[in-house]
C-alpha cells in the first residue's frame, strides 16, 4: 500500500506550518533519509526527510501552502512494484487537511475584503537607493544569506562559524547553501561551546580575518560575554589602536514564541552600553541585507541583533551590485506631525500598527526605525521631536536601563524646550518571559499600548 508522508511538527507546541518548497518531483526515486521538502513557521525552517524508499507518487499539498495542520498527509510514496494506479489505495486525507490555507498564489486571485483606508503618510525614500532601482521580494533569512554570500565572494578573509551553520544549513536556514558554495574551510560547524568558538573568532579577527560568528540565540551568547566585551570590544583601546577586531556576532535576539525566559531575553540595552561595540537591530529585509554587509566590512566588532519572529517576513530589497547601508543612520519610515514613535527590530511591528490606528483618529505619527542602537542617530530623533513636540519609544526589552530610557535622556538633553509632553516609554513587562502563550502575550508590548501612549502625550 502507498505510504503517506505527514506534515511534521517542529516542536511539541506546533499546530501548523507552511510548506515552503518541494525538493523532489513526482515520479522521482527516493531513498530513506532523502530531503524531500522544506517546511517553515515564523520561528524556523525544517527539512522533511523520507523514511521509506520508493517513488514520490503524488504531491498532495503544493509548495507555498500556508498553515498546513500537523499530521496532514502532504505526499504519497509508492513502494517498489507499485504504480500510479495504486494511489487510490492510500488512506483518505484526515479532516485536518481542510484547515490548511491555499498557496500564496491562490490568495492573490481572491483578495480578502479591505477595510476603509486610513489617511496615509508618505515614507521618506532611503537615500542610498537610486530612483528606478528594481526591487526583489525576499524573506529576511534570504536577505541575510545573500548579504553573507556576497561578502564572502568579495573578500576571501570572510568566513562563517557557529552551531549547525554548515551541514544543517543553519538552525533557521539563514546560512542555507553557503557550505556548498564556499566549502568547509569557510563555513564551519562548531561544538556547542559559545565561549570557545567566540574566542576562536575573536582570535581570528585579531590576525586579520573577518569572522561572522552565529549564535543560535543571543541568550546563549551569555556564555561568550567575556570574549565579546573584554576581548573584542576593549582590545583596540587597550592596544593603543595597534590591534583591531573586525568581527560580526549575529543571531536571533529577544522573544520568539513560547520558548520561555531563558530563550527570550532582549539584549539590546546590554550591548549598546559597551564602548568599542557597534550594535545593529534592523526591521526590514532591505535593512537586514544592507546593514549586515556594512557590519562585515566594519573594522570594529559589530553585534548584529536579528529577530526570530521576523525571519520568515518578506520585503522588497534593491537589486543592486553592492547595496550597503551605513551603520549609525536611522530612517523615517512614516512621516507625521503630531507625535514621534521611535523603535527598532520587531518593535517596529507595534509602532507601525499603532500609527495606522492613530491615523484613523486624526493623529499623524512620525515613525523612526533606529536600525542602529550604537552609535545612535540622535540627530534624526531630535529633529523629529522638534517638529512634533512629543515622543513615544517602543521596545520589547525591559524598561529599566533600557534603550528607550537612553532615547528619552537624549531628547531631554537636546530638545527639552520643544517638548509639549513628557517622553513616554512602551516596553516589555518587568518579569522573566512566561512560557504560557497567554502570559507571553501580556508580557510583550502591543500596538494598543503604543496607541494609548501616543494619545496620552497628545492629550487625547
Protein backbone atom coordinates (compact mmCIF):
# COMPACT_ATOMS: atom_id res chain seq x y z
CA UNK A 1 0.00 0.00 0.00
CA UNK A 2 1.28 3.52 -0.76
CA UNK A 3 2.93 5.29 2.20
CA UNK A 4 1.74 8.71 3.26
CA UNK A 5 4.18 11.45 4.27
CA UNK A 6 2.64 13.53 7.07
CA UNK A 7 3.22 17.17 7.97
CA UNK A 8 5.76 17.01 10.82
CA UNK A 9 5.93 19.20 13.91
CA UNK A 10 8.99 21.34 14.65
CA UNK A 11 8.11 21.38 18.33
CA UNK A 12 5.57 19.84 20.74
CA UNK A 13 3.51 23.04 20.62
CA UNK A 14 3.44 23.44 16.83
CA UNK A 15 -0.01 23.03 15.30
CA UNK A 16 0.50 24.38 11.76
CA UNK A 17 3.31 25.29 9.39
CA UNK A 18 3.96 26.47 5.85
CA UNK A 19 5.04 24.05 3.13
CA UNK A 20 7.75 26.26 1.67
CA UNK A 21 9.30 24.11 -1.05
CA UNK A 22 9.30 20.65 -2.62
CA UNK A 23 12.85 19.41 -3.31
CA UNK A 24 11.67 16.26 -5.13
CA UNK A 25 9.23 15.97 -8.02
CA UNK A 26 6.51 13.44 -8.67
CA UNK A 27 7.98 10.33 -10.26
CA UNK A 28 11.46 10.76 -8.71
CA UNK A 29 13.12 7.88 -6.91
CA UNK A 30 13.53 8.42 -3.16
CA UNK A 31 15.80 6.78 -0.62
CA UNK A 32 15.31 6.74 3.13
CA UNK A 33 16.85 9.92 4.53
CA UNK A 34 16.45 11.97 1.35
CA UNK A 35 15.26 15.52 1.98
CA UNK A 36 12.04 15.86 0.02
CA UNK A 37 10.59 19.17 1.21
CA UNK A 38 11.08 22.20 3.45
CA UNK A 39 8.53 23.46 5.95
CA UNK A 40 8.68 26.66 7.96
CA UNK A 41 6.98 28.53 10.76
CA UNK A 42 7.56 32.07 11.95
CA UNK A 43 10.42 30.65 14.01
CA UNK A 44 12.37 28.23 11.86
CA UNK A 45 12.70 26.17 8.71
CA UNK A 46 12.86 22.35 8.82
CA UNK A 47 13.72 19.70 6.27
CA UNK A 48 11.29 16.82 5.71
CA UNK A 49 13.16 13.54 5.25
CA UNK A 50 11.75 10.42 3.62
CA UNK A 51 11.53 7.48 6.00
CA UNK A 52 10.93 4.90 3.26
CA UNK A 53 12.31 4.07 -0.17
CA UNK A 54 10.29 4.19 -3.34
CA UNK A 55 8.91 6.71 -5.82
CA UNK A 56 7.29 10.05 -5.00
CA UNK A 57 3.89 9.09 -6.34
CA UNK A 58 1.83 12.19 -5.67
CA UNK A 59 2.30 15.58 -4.02
CA UNK A 60 -0.88 16.25 -2.05
CA UNK A 61 -0.06 19.75 -0.75
CA UNK A 62 1.55 22.15 -3.25
CA UNK A 63 4.54 24.24 -2.25
CA UNK A 64 3.64 27.70 -0.99
CA UNK A 65 0.67 26.40 1.01
CA UNK A 66 0.35 28.18 4.35
CA UNK A 67 -0.98 26.91 7.68
CA UNK A 68 -0.81 23.18 6.93
CA UNK A 69 -2.02 21.34 10.02
CA UNK A 70 0.40 18.92 11.70
CA UNK A 71 -0.17 15.28 10.62
CA UNK A 72 -1.88 16.32 7.38
CA UNK A 73 -0.81 13.98 4.52
CA UNK A 74 1.40 16.05 2.22
CA UNK A 75 2.63 13.39 -0.22
CA UNK A 76 2.39 9.71 -1.10
CA UNK A 77 5.36 7.38 -1.69
CA UNK A 78 4.94 4.32 -3.88
CA UNK A 79 6.90 1.22 -2.87
CA UNK A 80 8.76 -0.91 -5.39
CA UNK A 81 6.33 -2.63 -7.70
CA UNK A 82 3.55 -0.11 -7.11
CA UNK A 83 2.26 2.25 -9.78
CA UNK A 84 0.08 5.35 -10.05
CA UNK A 85 -2.95 3.07 -10.12
CA UNK A 86 -2.19 2.15 -6.50
CA UNK A 87 -2.53 5.74 -5.28
CA UNK A 88 -6.25 5.19 -4.78
CA UNK A 89 -5.39 2.63 -2.10
CA UNK A 90 -3.78 5.29 0.10
CA UNK A 91 -5.83 6.26 3.18
CA UNK A 92 -8.06 9.29 2.70
CA UNK A 93 -6.54 12.55 3.98
CA UNK A 94 -7.55 13.46 7.54
CA UNK A 95 -10.07 16.20 8.13
CA UNK A 96 -7.26 18.40 9.43
CA UNK A 97 -6.10 18.95 5.88
CA UNK A 98 -9.10 21.18 5.30
CA UNK A 99 -7.62 23.62 7.80
CA UNK A 100 -4.65 24.29 5.54
CA UNK A 101 -4.64 27.58 3.74
CA UNK A 102 -4.20 27.67 -0.06
CA UNK A 103 -0.87 28.69 -1.61
CA UNK A 104 0.02 32.36 -1.72
CA UNK A 105 -0.71 32.49 -5.44
CA UNK A 106 -4.27 31.40 -4.85
CA UNK A 107 -4.67 34.08 -2.23
CA UNK A 108 -3.71 36.70 -4.77
CA UNK A 109 -6.55 35.66 -7.04
CA UNK A 110 -9.16 36.24 -4.35
CA UNK A 111 -8.00 39.01 -2.01
CA UNK A 112 -9.82 39.47 1.27
CA UNK A 113 -12.12 42.48 1.59
CA UNK A 114 -10.20 45.57 2.66
CA UNK A 115 -11.18 47.85 5.50
CA UNK A 116 -11.84 51.51 4.84
CA UNK A 117 -8.47 53.13 4.08
CA UNK A 118 -6.96 55.27 6.81
CA UNK A 119 -5.14 58.53 5.98
CA UNK A 120 -1.77 57.60 4.52
CA UNK A 121 1.55 59.13 5.48
CA UNK A 122 4.31 59.09 2.89
CA UNK A 123 7.53 57.37 3.97
CA UNK A 124 10.80 59.09 3.22
CA UNK A 125 12.79 57.35 0.49
CA UNK A 126 16.00 55.69 1.57
CA UNK A 127 18.72 57.96 0.16
CA UNK A 128 21.00 55.00 -0.52
CA UNK A 129 18.64 53.57 -3.19
CA UNK A 130 18.74 55.33 -6.60
CA UNK A 131 15.37 56.17 -8.15
CA UNK A 132 14.09 53.50 -10.54
CA UNK A 133 16.04 50.66 -8.92
CA UNK A 134 14.49 47.23 -9.47
CA UNK A 135 13.22 45.66 -6.25
CA UNK A 136 13.08 41.94 -5.47
CA UNK A 137 10.90 40.37 -2.78
CA UNK A 138 12.85 38.32 -0.22
CA UNK A 139 12.38 36.88 3.23
CA UNK A 140 14.68 38.29 5.88
CA UNK A 141 16.52 34.97 6.14
CA UNK A 142 17.19 35.13 2.39
CA UNK A 143 18.39 38.73 2.63
CA UNK A 144 20.83 37.75 5.39
CA UNK A 145 22.08 34.76 3.41
CA UNK A 146 22.64 36.88 0.29
CA UNK A 147 24.50 39.52 2.30
CA UNK A 148 26.92 36.92 3.67
CA UNK A 149 27.35 35.19 0.30
CA UNK A 150 28.09 38.47 -1.48
CA UNK A 151 30.67 39.50 1.11
CA UNK A 152 32.30 36.06 1.06
CA UNK A 153 32.63 36.28 -2.72
CA UNK A 154 34.05 39.78 -2.41
CA UNK A 155 36.57 39.07 0.35
CA UNK A 156 38.31 35.72 0.90
CA UNK A 157 39.00 36.67 4.55
CA UNK A 158 35.30 36.48 5.43
CA UNK A 159 34.08 33.19 6.90
CA UNK A 160 31.11 31.92 8.92
CA UNK A 161 31.20 29.81 12.06
CA UNK A 162 28.66 28.63 14.61
CA UNK A 163 26.45 25.75 15.67
CA UNK A 164 24.76 23.96 12.73
CA UNK A 165 25.67 26.67 10.20
CA UNK A 166 27.16 24.20 7.71
CA UNK A 167 25.79 20.66 7.33
CA UNK A 168 22.35 21.56 8.68
CA UNK A 169 22.29 24.83 6.69
CA UNK A 170 21.67 26.89 9.84
CA UNK A 171 19.21 26.38 12.70
CA UNK A 172 16.94 28.93 10.99
CA UNK A 173 18.24 28.21 7.45
CA UNK A 174 19.95 31.59 7.29
CA UNK A 175 23.21 30.03 6.05
CA UNK A 176 21.48 27.78 3.52
CA UNK A 177 23.70 26.98 0.52
CA UNK A 178 26.86 28.61 1.89
CA UNK A 179 28.64 25.32 2.64
CA UNK A 180 28.00 24.09 -0.91
CA UNK A 181 29.42 27.27 -2.44
CA UNK A 182 32.33 28.08 -0.12
CA UNK A 183 33.28 24.76 1.43
CA UNK A 184 34.01 23.56 4.94
CA UNK A 185 37.03 25.84 5.48
CA UNK A 186 34.85 28.96 5.28
CA UNK A 187 31.55 27.63 6.66
CA UNK A 188 32.44 25.93 9.92
CA UNK A 189 30.26 23.87 12.24
CA UNK A 190 31.36 24.33 15.86
CA UNK A 191 30.79 22.35 19.04
CA UNK A 192 28.15 23.58 21.47
CA UNK A 193 30.57 25.86 23.30
CA UNK A 194 29.84 29.55 22.77
CA UNK A 195 32.72 30.71 24.95
CA UNK A 196 35.09 28.56 22.92
CA UNK A 197 34.08 29.37 19.37
CA UNK A 198 33.52 33.07 20.12
CA UNK A 199 37.10 33.16 21.39
CA UNK A 200 38.34 31.40 18.26
CA UNK A 201 36.51 34.01 16.19
CA UNK A 202 37.98 36.91 18.15
CA UNK A 203 41.47 35.47 17.78
CA UNK A 204 40.98 35.01 14.04
CA UNK A 205 39.80 38.63 13.75
CA UNK A 206 42.87 39.87 15.60
CA UNK A 207 45.05 38.17 12.97
CA UNK A 208 43.24 39.94 10.12
CA UNK A 209 40.45 37.53 9.18
CA UNK A 210 36.79 38.62 9.21
CA UNK A 211 34.66 36.08 11.05
CA UNK A 212 30.87 36.04 11.16
CA UNK A 213 30.02 34.24 14.40
CA UNK A 214 26.45 32.95 14.61
CA UNK A 215 24.81 32.35 17.96
CA UNK A 216 21.75 30.11 17.83
CA UNK A 217 20.25 32.74 20.13
CA UNK A 218 21.86 35.69 21.90
CA UNK A 219 20.68 34.09 25.15
CA UNK A 220 23.47 31.55 24.59
CA UNK A 221 25.95 34.36 23.93
CA UNK A 222 26.00 34.97 27.69
CA UNK A 223 28.45 32.04 27.75
CA UNK A 224 30.70 34.13 25.49
CA UNK A 225 30.21 37.54 27.11
CA UNK A 226 33.84 37.73 28.29
CA UNK A 227 35.14 37.16 24.76
CA UNK A 228 32.73 39.69 23.27
CA UNK A 229 33.30 42.51 25.76
CA UNK A 230 36.73 42.03 27.35
CA UNK A 231 38.47 40.73 24.24
CA UNK A 232 36.62 42.02 21.15
CA UNK A 233 35.30 45.37 22.38
CA UNK A 234 38.21 46.60 24.52
CA UNK A 235 41.35 45.43 22.70
CA UNK A 236 41.57 48.31 20.20
CA UNK A 237 41.64 50.84 23.05
CA UNK A 238 43.89 48.77 25.32
CA UNK A 239 46.40 48.21 22.50
CA UNK A 240 46.57 51.91 21.73
CA UNK A 241 44.96 51.34 18.35
CA UNK A 242 47.51 48.72 17.30
CA UNK A 243 45.22 45.69 17.31
CA UNK A 244 41.76 45.70 15.74
CA UNK A 245 38.99 43.12 15.75
CA UNK A 246 36.78 43.08 12.65
CA UNK A 247 34.13 40.54 13.64
CA UNK A 248 30.35 40.20 13.45
CA UNK A 249 28.39 38.40 16.15
CA UNK A 250 24.93 37.68 14.76
CA UNK A 251 21.83 35.65 15.60
CA UNK A 252 18.27 35.95 16.93
CA UNK A 253 17.68 38.23 19.90
CA UNK A 254 14.63 38.75 22.09
CA UNK A 255 11.30 36.99 22.25
CA UNK A 256 10.25 34.30 19.77
CA UNK A 257 7.16 32.21 20.52
CA UNK A 258 6.75 30.09 23.64
CA UNK A 259 10.42 29.41 24.29
CA UNK A 260 10.27 30.76 27.87
CA UNK A 261 12.55 33.01 29.90
CA UNK A 262 15.97 31.53 29.08
CA UNK A 263 15.46 31.85 25.32
CA UNK A 264 13.52 35.12 25.11
CA UNK A 265 15.62 37.91 26.61
CA UNK A 266 16.29 41.09 24.64
CA UNK A 267 19.96 42.09 24.93
CA UNK A 268 19.71 45.39 23.04
CA UNK A 269 20.48 47.54 26.07
CA UNK A 270 23.25 45.22 27.32
CA UNK A 271 25.40 45.50 24.22
CA UNK A 272 24.53 49.11 23.37
CA UNK A 273 26.03 50.07 26.74
CA UNK A 274 29.54 48.94 25.73
CA UNK A 275 32.15 51.31 24.22
CA UNK A 276 34.02 49.53 21.44
CA UNK A 277 30.97 47.71 20.08
CA UNK A 278 28.60 48.73 17.32
CA UNK A 279 25.07 47.40 17.72
CA UNK A 280 22.66 46.92 14.82
CA UNK A 281 18.99 45.84 15.09
CA UNK A 282 17.15 46.13 11.74
CA UNK A 283 13.49 45.57 10.88
CA UNK A 284 13.07 45.40 7.09
CA UNK A 285 14.56 42.86 4.68
CA UNK A 286 16.46 45.58 2.81
CA UNK A 287 17.97 46.92 6.03
CA UNK A 288 18.95 43.43 7.16
CA UNK A 289 20.90 42.94 3.95
CA UNK A 290 22.45 46.38 3.62
CA UNK A 291 23.43 46.66 7.27
CA UNK A 292 24.89 43.13 7.50
CA UNK A 293 27.13 43.90 4.54
CA UNK A 294 28.23 47.10 6.28
CA UNK A 295 28.82 45.20 9.53
CA UNK A 296 31.04 42.62 7.81
CA UNK A 297 33.16 45.42 6.29
CA UNK A 298 33.41 47.42 9.51
CA UNK A 299 36.83 47.30 11.22
CA UNK A 300 35.16 47.14 14.65
CA UNK A 301 33.26 44.33 16.40
CA UNK A 302 29.57 44.52 15.49
CA UNK A 303 26.67 42.96 17.40
CA UNK A 304 24.02 42.18 14.79
CA UNK A 305 20.73 41.56 16.58
CA UNK A 306 18.21 39.67 14.46
CA UNK A 307 14.69 38.62 15.40
CA UNK A 308 13.45 35.05 15.16
CA UNK A 309 9.84 36.10 14.55
CA UNK A 310 10.89 38.22 11.55
CA UNK A 311 12.97 35.61 9.68
CA UNK A 312 10.04 34.49 7.52
CA UNK A 313 8.75 38.02 6.84
CA UNK A 314 9.18 39.33 3.31
CA UNK A 315 10.11 42.74 1.98
CA UNK A 316 11.49 44.50 -1.06
CA UNK A 317 15.27 44.55 -1.42
CA UNK A 318 17.01 46.74 -4.01
CA UNK A 319 18.62 44.75 -6.81
CA UNK A 320 21.99 46.45 -6.82
CA UNK A 321 25.51 45.15 -7.39
CA UNK A 322 26.55 46.40 -3.96
CA UNK A 323 23.75 47.51 -1.63
CA UNK A 324 25.26 48.74 1.63
CA UNK A 325 23.52 50.84 4.29
CA UNK A 326 25.78 52.87 6.57
CA UNK A 327 25.77 51.92 10.24
CA UNK A 328 24.52 54.67 12.56
CA UNK A 329 21.76 56.16 10.41
CA UNK A 330 18.10 55.92 11.41
CA UNK A 331 15.28 56.00 8.87
CA UNK A 332 11.97 57.85 8.97
CA UNK A 333 9.63 55.10 7.85
CA UNK A 334 6.49 57.18 8.10
CA UNK A 335 6.20 60.96 8.21
CA UNK A 336 3.89 62.74 10.64
CA UNK A 337 3.46 65.93 12.60
CA UNK A 338 1.69 65.11 15.88
CA UNK A 339 3.90 62.59 17.71
CA UNK A 340 7.22 60.77 17.11
CA UNK A 341 7.28 57.00 17.68
CA UNK A 342 10.80 55.54 17.90
CA UNK A 343 11.58 51.82 17.71
CA UNK A 344 13.79 49.16 16.09
CA UNK A 345 13.73 45.47 15.21
CA UNK A 346 10.39 43.77 15.99
CA UNK A 347 9.26 46.79 17.98
CA UNK A 348 8.59 48.40 14.62
CA UNK A 349 5.71 45.95 14.16
CA UNK A 350 3.86 47.55 17.07
CA UNK A 351 4.90 51.08 16.07
CA UNK A 352 3.61 50.82 12.51
CA UNK A 353 0.34 49.13 13.50
CA UNK A 354 -0.20 51.85 16.09
CA UNK A 355 0.49 54.57 13.54
CA UNK A 356 -2.21 53.13 11.26
CA UNK A 357 -4.71 53.12 14.13
CA UNK A 358 -3.79 56.64 15.22
CA UNK A 359 -4.27 57.93 11.67
CA UNK A 360 -7.88 56.76 11.79
CA UNK A 361 -8.37 59.15 14.71
CA UNK A 362 -6.63 62.05 13.00
CA UNK A 363 -3.27 61.68 14.78
CA UNK A 364 -0.38 61.51 12.31
CA UNK A 365 2.59 59.74 13.90
CA UNK A 366 6.12 60.04 12.60
CA UNK A 367 7.73 56.59 12.92
CA UNK A 368 11.50 56.30 13.20
CA UNK A 369 13.30 52.98 12.73
CA UNK A 370 16.60 53.41 14.57
CA UNK A 371 18.20 50.43 12.76
CA UNK A 372 21.41 51.06 14.74
CA UNK A 373 21.47 51.31 18.54
CA UNK A 374 25.16 52.17 18.88
CA UNK A 375 26.11 54.64 17.51
CA UNK A 376 22.60 56.08 17.88
CA UNK A 377 21.32 58.61 15.35
CA UNK A 378 20.43 61.30 17.88
CA UNK A 379 20.12 63.96 15.19
CA UNK A 380 17.21 62.27 13.41
CA UNK A 381 15.38 61.70 16.70
CA UNK A 382 15.86 65.28 17.91
CA UNK A 383 14.87 66.86 14.61
CA UNK A 384 11.66 64.82 14.55
CA UNK A 385 10.78 65.70 18.15
CA UNK A 386 11.41 69.37 17.45
CA UNK A 387 8.75 69.05 14.75
CA UNK A 388 6.16 67.01 16.65
CA UNK A 389 6.78 68.08 20.25
CA UNK A 390 6.03 64.59 21.55
CA UNK A 391 7.80 61.22 21.67
CA UNK A 392 7.00 57.58 22.46
CA UNK A 393 9.64 54.83 22.49
CA UNK A 394 8.76 51.18 21.84
CA UNK A 395 10.91 48.17 22.78
CA UNK A 396 10.39 44.51 23.64
CA UNK A 397 13.10 44.68 26.30
CA UNK A 398 12.58 45.77 29.90
CA UNK A 399 12.11 49.44 30.77
CA UNK A 400 14.79 49.79 33.47
CA UNK A 401 18.10 50.88 31.91
CA UNK A 402 16.57 50.15 28.52
CA UNK A 403 17.28 51.71 25.15
CA UNK A 404 14.06 53.72 25.49
CA UNK A 405 15.47 55.31 28.65
CA UNK A 406 18.59 56.37 26.73
CA UNK A 407 16.46 57.86 23.94
CA UNK A 408 14.37 59.76 26.49
CA UNK A 409 17.51 61.17 28.11
CA UNK A 410 18.90 62.36 24.78
CA UNK A 411 15.61 64.04 23.92
CA UNK A 412 15.64 65.80 27.31
CA UNK A 413 19.22 66.93 26.75
CA UNK A 414 18.78 68.14 23.17
CA UNK A 415 15.09 69.03 22.68
CA UNK A 416 13.65 69.73 26.14
CA UNK A 417 12.33 73.17 25.18
CA UNK A 418 10.44 71.68 22.24
CA UNK A 419 8.53 69.08 24.25
CA UNK A 420 4.83 69.57 24.82
CA UNK A 421 4.54 66.41 26.94
CA UNK A 422 6.90 64.03 28.79
CA UNK A 423 8.57 61.31 26.75
CA UNK A 424 6.66 58.04 27.24
CA UNK A 425 8.07 54.51 27.06
CA UNK A 426 6.29 51.33 25.97
CA UNK A 427 8.29 48.21 26.83
CA UNK A 428 8.20 44.57 27.83
CA UNK A 429 6.80 43.95 31.31
CA UNK A 430 9.21 43.70 34.24
CA UNK A 431 9.11 39.91 34.51
CA UNK A 432 11.03 36.94 33.04
CA UNK A 433 9.27 35.78 29.90
CA UNK A 434 6.48 33.28 30.73
CA UNK A 435 6.11 30.05 28.76
CA UNK A 436 2.29 30.08 28.59
CA UNK A 437 1.10 31.72 25.38
CA UNK A 438 -1.50 33.94 27.06
CA UNK A 439 1.01 35.23 29.63
CA UNK A 440 3.72 35.68 26.99
CA UNK A 441 1.38 37.93 25.03
CA UNK A 442 0.74 40.02 28.13
CA UNK A 443 4.47 40.30 28.86
CA UNK A 444 5.23 41.85 25.46
CA UNK A 445 4.24 45.32 24.23
CA UNK A 446 1.20 45.69 22.00
CA UNK A 447 0.05 48.12 19.33
CA UNK A 448 -2.83 49.06 21.64
CA UNK A 449 -0.35 50.16 24.32
CA UNK A 450 1.51 52.29 21.78
CA UNK A 451 -1.77 53.88 20.68
CA UNK A 452 -2.67 54.60 24.29
CA UNK A 453 0.75 56.17 24.98
CA UNK A 454 0.62 58.31 21.82
CA UNK A 455 -2.87 59.56 22.64
CA UNK A 456 -1.77 60.35 26.19
CA UNK A 457 1.11 62.58 25.07
CA UNK A 458 -1.24 64.22 22.56
CA UNK A 459 -3.74 64.81 25.41
CA UNK A 460 -6.43 62.92 23.51
